[in-house]
Protein backbone atom coordinates (compact mmCIF):
# COMPACT_ATOMS: atom_id res chain seq x y z
CA MET A 1 16.29 -3.29 6.01
CA ARG A 2 13.18 -1.82 8.30
CA PHE A 3 11.94 -3.07 11.23
CA SER A 4 8.48 -3.73 9.37
CA GLU A 5 11.03 -6.26 6.87
CA ILE A 6 12.76 -7.81 9.49
CA HIS A 7 9.55 -10.54 10.94
CA PRO A 8 5.96 -10.20 9.22
CA SER A 9 4.65 -9.62 13.04
CA LEU A 10 6.80 -5.70 12.33
CA TYR A 11 4.92 -5.65 9.47
CA ARG A 12 1.36 -5.60 10.26
CA ILE A 13 2.23 -3.59 13.56
CA ARG A 14 3.79 -0.95 11.01
CA VAL A 15 0.32 -1.21 8.60
CA LYS A 16 -2.23 -0.90 11.53
CA GLN A 17 -0.22 2.32 12.78
CA LYS A 18 -0.17 4.28 9.66
CA THR A 19 -4.19 3.16 9.19
CA LEU A 20 -4.81 4.29 12.42
CA PHE A 21 -2.43 7.98 11.72
CA ARG A 22 -4.15 8.45 8.07
CA PHE A 23 -7.59 7.44 10.03
CA LEU A 24 -6.88 10.43 12.67
CA GLN A 25 -5.85 13.33 9.90
CA ASN A 26 -8.84 11.83 7.55
CA VAL A 27 -11.45 12.72 10.76
CA ARG A 28 -9.40 16.41 11.03
CA ASP A 29 -9.40 17.19 7.36
CA ARG A 30 -13.36 15.25 6.09
CA LYS A 31 -14.85 18.48 5.86
CA ASN A 32 -12.29 18.73 2.44
CA PHE A 33 -13.26 15.79 0.89
CA ALA A 34 -15.87 15.75 -2.40
CA ARG A 35 -18.91 14.02 -0.88
CA ASN A 36 -21.96 15.03 -3.39
CA LYS A 37 -22.95 12.79 -6.37
CA SER A 38 -25.53 13.86 -9.38
CA LYS A 39 -26.67 11.73 -11.68
CA ILE A 40 -26.74 14.77 -14.44
CA SER A 41 -23.74 15.04 -16.40
CA TYR A 42 -22.12 17.83 -16.30
CA PRO A 43 -21.86 19.24 -20.61
CA TYR A 44 -18.09 19.72 -20.96
CA THR A 45 -15.71 17.08 -21.48
CA CYS A 46 -12.65 16.69 -20.38
CA LYS A 47 -11.18 12.94 -20.85
CA LYS A 48 -12.13 9.77 -21.54
CA HIS A 49 -10.86 6.55 -20.81
CA GLN A 50 -11.25 2.34 -21.37
CA SER A 51 -9.12 -0.35 -20.22
CA LEU A 52 -9.61 -3.84 -20.65
CA LEU A 53 -11.10 -6.13 -18.12
CA ARG A 54 -9.07 -9.31 -19.23
CA ARG A 55 -5.49 -9.56 -20.02
CA ARG A 56 -3.04 -12.21 -19.75
CA LEU A 57 -0.91 -11.47 -16.49
CA GLY A 58 1.99 -13.65 -16.48
CA ASP A 59 0.68 -17.25 -15.69
CA SER A 60 -1.89 -15.47 -12.73
CA ASP A 61 -4.62 -17.10 -12.52
CA PRO A 62 -7.38 -15.89 -14.79
CA GLN A 63 -10.25 -16.98 -12.13
CA LEU A 64 -8.85 -13.68 -10.53
CA GLN A 65 -9.55 -11.78 -13.20
CA GLU A 66 -12.55 -12.63 -13.07
CA ASN A 67 -13.34 -11.92 -9.14
CA LYS A 68 -11.31 -8.67 -10.20
CA ILE A 69 -14.32 -7.78 -12.28
CA VAL A 70 -16.97 -8.07 -9.43
CA ASN A 71 -14.55 -5.84 -6.71
CA LEU A 72 -14.42 -2.95 -9.68
CA SER A 73 -18.48 -2.98 -10.26
CA ILE A 74 -18.59 -2.55 -6.35
CA ALA A 75 -15.57 0.07 -5.91
CA SER A 76 -16.71 2.10 -9.28
CA ASN A 77 -20.34 2.51 -8.10
CA ARG A 78 -18.58 3.74 -4.85
CA ILE A 79 -17.08 6.65 -7.01
CA ASP A 80 -19.64 7.01 -10.01
CA GLY A 81 -21.23 10.50 -10.54
CA ILE A 82 -18.81 12.29 -8.04
CA VAL A 83 -18.84 15.64 -8.25
CA ILE A 84 -15.30 17.85 -7.38
CA HIS A 85 -16.64 21.58 -6.21
CA PRO A 86 -13.69 24.22 -6.57
CA GLY A 87 -11.75 23.89 -2.88
CA GLU A 88 -12.71 19.92 -2.38
CA ILE A 89 -10.55 16.98 -2.10
CA PHE A 90 -10.88 13.83 -3.91
CA SER A 91 -10.17 10.79 -1.96
CA PHE A 92 -10.34 7.55 -3.01
CA TRP A 93 -10.31 5.13 0.29
CA GLU A 94 -12.88 8.30 1.70
CA LEU A 95 -14.89 7.13 -1.05
CA VAL A 96 -14.87 3.20 -1.57
CA GLY A 97 -14.10 2.47 2.11
CA LYS A 98 -12.67 -0.34 3.30
CA THR A 99 -12.61 -3.61 1.10
CA THR A 100 -14.47 -6.80 3.13
CA LYS A 101 -16.36 -9.64 2.52
CA ALA A 102 -19.56 -7.78 4.37
CA LYS A 103 -19.84 -5.25 1.68
CA GLY A 104 -19.32 -7.95 -1.34
CA TYR A 105 -15.85 -7.98 -2.25
CA ILE A 106 -13.70 -11.73 -2.88
CA GLU A 107 -10.61 -12.74 -3.14
CA GLY A 108 -8.67 -11.00 -6.57
CA MET A 109 -5.21 -10.47 -7.39
CA GLN A 110 -2.75 -7.76 -4.71
CA LEU A 111 0.91 -6.60 -5.44
CA SER A 112 1.83 -6.45 -1.95
CA ARG A 113 6.06 -6.24 -0.82
CA GLY A 114 7.55 -7.10 -4.14
CA GLU A 115 5.35 -9.68 -5.02
CA VAL A 116 2.15 -11.17 -6.09
CA LYS A 117 -0.57 -12.11 -3.66
CA THR A 118 -4.92 -12.54 -3.60
CA GLY A 119 -6.70 -10.79 -0.85
CA VAL A 120 -10.13 -9.07 -0.21
CA GLY A 121 -10.56 -6.42 -2.91
CA GLY A 122 -8.08 -7.44 -5.32
CA GLY A 123 -7.85 -5.98 -7.96
CA ILE A 124 -9.38 -2.40 -7.74
CA CYS A 125 -5.76 -0.36 -8.40
CA GLN A 126 -6.91 -0.59 -12.10
CA LEU A 127 -9.65 1.42 -10.88
CA ALA A 128 -7.51 3.57 -9.54
CA ASN A 129 -4.96 3.21 -12.59
CA LEU A 130 -7.64 5.00 -14.76
CA LEU A 131 -8.60 8.06 -12.61
CA TYR A 132 -5.20 8.90 -12.28
CA TRP A 133 -4.63 8.31 -15.95
CA MET A 134 -7.73 10.93 -16.45
CA VAL A 135 -6.95 13.34 -13.89
CA LEU A 136 -3.47 13.89 -15.16
CA HIS A 137 -5.67 14.92 -18.68
CA THR A 138 -7.29 18.10 -16.53
CA PRO A 139 -5.95 20.84 -14.45
CA LEU A 140 -7.25 18.86 -10.82
CA THR A 141 -4.03 18.80 -8.77
CA ILE A 142 -2.62 15.47 -7.77
CA LEU A 143 -1.72 15.55 -3.82
CA GLU A 144 -0.82 11.75 -3.52
CA ARG A 145 -0.31 9.25 -5.68
CA HIS A 146 1.89 6.00 -5.33
CA HIS A 147 3.32 3.52 -7.87
CA HIS A 148 5.02 -0.32 -6.81
CA SER A 149 8.51 -0.44 -6.70
CA PHE A 150 8.49 -3.43 -9.24
CA ASP A 151 7.09 -4.49 -12.34
CA PRO A 152 5.17 -7.70 -12.01
CA PHE A 153 3.86 -8.36 -15.39
CA PRO A 154 5.79 -8.12 -19.06
CA ASP A 155 3.67 -5.10 -21.41
CA GLU A 156 1.08 -7.76 -23.38
CA GLY A 157 -1.61 -5.73 -23.65
CA ARG A 158 -0.33 -2.17 -22.78
CA VAL A 159 -1.60 0.02 -24.42
CA LEU A 160 0.15 3.26 -21.58
CA PRO A 161 3.96 4.33 -20.71
CA PHE A 162 5.01 1.98 -18.29
CA GLY A 163 4.41 3.96 -14.50
CA SER A 164 1.79 6.11 -15.27
CA GLY A 165 -0.75 4.13 -13.02
CA ALA A 166 -1.44 4.08 -9.18
CA SER A 167 -1.35 2.14 -6.01
CA VAL A 168 -3.80 1.62 -3.66
CA PHE A 169 -3.61 0.04 0.08
CA PHE A 170 -6.58 1.01 2.70
CA ASN A 171 -6.40 3.41 3.64
CA PHE A 172 -2.70 5.44 4.00
CA VAL A 173 -1.92 4.36 0.41
CA ASP A 174 -4.39 6.77 -1.44
CA LEU A 175 -5.43 8.32 -4.38
CA ARG A 176 -5.79 12.04 -3.93
CA PHE A 177 -6.75 15.61 -6.24
CA GLN A 178 -7.55 18.90 -5.33
CA ASN A 179 -9.85 21.02 -6.95
CA LYS A 180 -7.90 24.11 -7.21
CA THR A 181 -10.22 25.59 -10.59
CA GLU A 182 -13.24 27.63 -10.45
CA HIS A 183 -14.97 25.43 -12.01
CA SER A 184 -16.84 22.07 -10.59
CA TYR A 185 -15.30 19.08 -12.12
CA GLN A 186 -17.60 15.57 -12.25
CA ILE A 187 -15.70 11.41 -12.27
CA HIS A 188 -18.68 8.69 -14.24
CA VAL A 189 -17.08 5.46 -14.04
CA TRP A 190 -19.00 2.22 -15.13
CA LEU A 191 -18.31 -1.82 -16.57
CA THR A 192 -19.34 -2.51 -19.51
CA ASP A 193 -18.50 -6.82 -20.67
CA MET A 194 -14.95 -5.80 -21.67
CA HIS A 195 -13.79 -2.71 -20.42
CA LEU A 196 -13.92 -0.45 -17.52
CA LYS A 197 -14.70 3.06 -18.80
CA GLY A 198 -14.23 5.87 -17.15
CA SER A 199 -14.25 9.90 -17.91
CA ILE A 200 -14.05 13.55 -16.36
CA TYR A 201 -16.45 16.87 -17.50
CA THR A 202 -16.85 19.47 -16.06
CA ASN A 203 -19.22 22.82 -15.90
CA GLU A 204 -17.46 25.16 -18.05
CA LYS A 205 -15.67 24.39 -21.65
CA VAL A 206 -12.03 24.45 -21.02
CA TYR A 207 -9.11 26.40 -23.11
CA TYR A 208 -6.72 23.82 -22.60
CA SER A 209 -5.59 19.97 -23.30
CA TYR A 210 -2.75 18.00 -21.72
CA HIS A 211 -0.93 15.65 -24.00
CA ILE A 212 1.19 12.59 -22.15
CA GLU A 213 3.90 11.19 -23.54
CA GLU A 214 6.67 8.29 -22.34
CA ARG A 215 10.57 9.48 -22.50
CA ASN A 216 13.80 7.70 -21.60
CA HIS A 217 12.84 4.56 -21.42
CA ILE A 218 14.87 1.56 -20.62
CA PHE A 219 15.94 -1.92 -19.25
CA SER A 220 18.99 -2.07 -17.31
CA LYS A 221 20.79 -4.71 -15.40
CA LYS A 222 22.55 -4.77 -12.30
CA LYS A 223 24.02 -7.59 -10.55
CA ASP A 224 21.86 -10.63 -10.60
CA GLU A 225 18.72 -8.10 -11.04
CA ASN A 226 16.43 -6.33 -13.85
CA TYR A 227 15.56 -2.88 -14.10
CA ARG A 228 13.34 -0.71 -16.08
CA GLN A 229 12.86 3.10 -15.86
CA ASN A 230 10.84 6.14 -17.76
CA GLU A 231 10.23 9.61 -17.35
CA ILE A 232 6.26 10.58 -17.70
CA TRP A 233 6.20 14.47 -19.11
CA ARG A 234 3.14 16.30 -19.75
CA LYS A 235 2.55 19.49 -22.78
CA THR A 236 -0.44 22.05 -21.99
CA ILE A 237 -1.58 22.80 -25.14
CA ASP A 238 -3.93 26.39 -26.01
CA LYS A 239 -7.36 24.60 -27.68
CA ARG A 240 -7.42 27.83 -29.44
CA THR A 241 -4.15 28.45 -30.91
CA GLY A 242 -2.59 24.61 -30.91
CA ASN A 243 -0.02 25.78 -28.86
CA CYS A 244 1.74 24.20 -26.43
CA ILE A 245 2.23 26.80 -23.41
CA ASN A 246 3.83 24.64 -21.06
CA GLU A 247 6.11 21.22 -20.27
CA GLU A 248 6.52 19.67 -17.07
CA LEU A 249 7.97 16.15 -16.29
CA LEU A 250 5.52 14.59 -13.72
CA ILE A 251 6.86 10.78 -13.16
CA LYS A 252 10.49 9.51 -12.99
CA ASN A 253 10.12 5.85 -12.70
CA TYR A 254 12.93 3.06 -11.41
CA ALA A 255 11.68 -0.50 -10.83
CA GLU A 256 12.83 -4.23 -10.09
CA VAL A 257 11.57 -5.97 -13.39
CA LYS A 258 10.02 -9.43 -11.95
CA TYR A 259 9.59 -11.22 -15.06
CA GLU A 260 12.64 -12.43 -17.70
CA ILE A 261 13.27 -10.15 -20.40
CA ASN A 262 15.90 -10.39 -22.74
CA LEU A 263 18.16 -7.45 -22.77
CA ASP A 264 20.26 -8.49 -26.45
CA THR A 265 16.66 -7.11 -27.84
CA ALA A 266 15.13 -4.85 -24.98
CA SER A 267 17.31 -0.84 -24.90
CA GLN A 268 19.68 -1.06 -22.06
CA ALA A 269 21.45 1.43 -19.71
CA PRO A 270 24.80 1.29 -17.83
CA CYS A 271 25.08 1.06 -14.40
C-alpha cells in the first residue's frame, strides 16, 4: 500500500507535490507547447468523431450530465482552433487550465481512486477521450496518456472499444502528443444539442489512414472481484494502394469492473 492510500491527508499532500513538480516542468518546457489558434480550417481532413453528451451511466444522477455539458463547453473553447506546428506539443492542461468556479465550471462527475465522485469541472474527460481517439488516427505521436484502472459503468451506448479513452487530472495527469512530422495539424472541437464533436485537419494532403481495432477482449474473476482486459491495435493503411504497411499494439488494458456482470454470458479467462 502506498503512503498516499493510508490517510486522506497524505493523498492531498502527494497531489500538491505532483502538481508542483509538473508546474516546474512546464515552466521549463513551455516554449514547446502549441498555443496559436486559427479560425480558418486547414483544407485536408484527418479524422472526425462525435460522442453523445447524454448517456445512461449506471444509477448516476442525470443532472451531473447536464453539468458536464457546461464544463465541456468551457473547456472546448480553450482548445478549438489550436494549431500544432512541426515540433510542437499539445498539452490538454496547458490549454484548458485549472477548472475553477471563477471560470464558470460547476460540479460534475469525476472518477478518482476507484470511485465515482463529484467535483468542479467534472466530466471533461469526455473531451480528452475524443481528442485521444482522433489523434490515434493521425501521425501525431502520443507522449502522455492515462486511463482509469477501473471500469465504472456497463457498456450501454458505448461505440468505442473499452480502454480507448484518456483520463485527465489537473495538472500532472495530462494528455500530450507531439507533431514530429513536417506538416501542421489543427484541432476543432464544439458542442451541438446532442453531441460533442471534433475534427483534426492538416495543411498538406495525407496518404495514410489508420484503423483501430480491439482484440482479445475478456472478462475474468479473481477472488471476489471481476476484471476486464483487452488489447487496442492500430493498422496503418496506404491510401494509394489500400495495403496495410504497419500494425502495432497500442494499449493493453486490465481493469477492475465496478458493476455486476454475469460471467456465464460474458467471455471469461482463467486466472
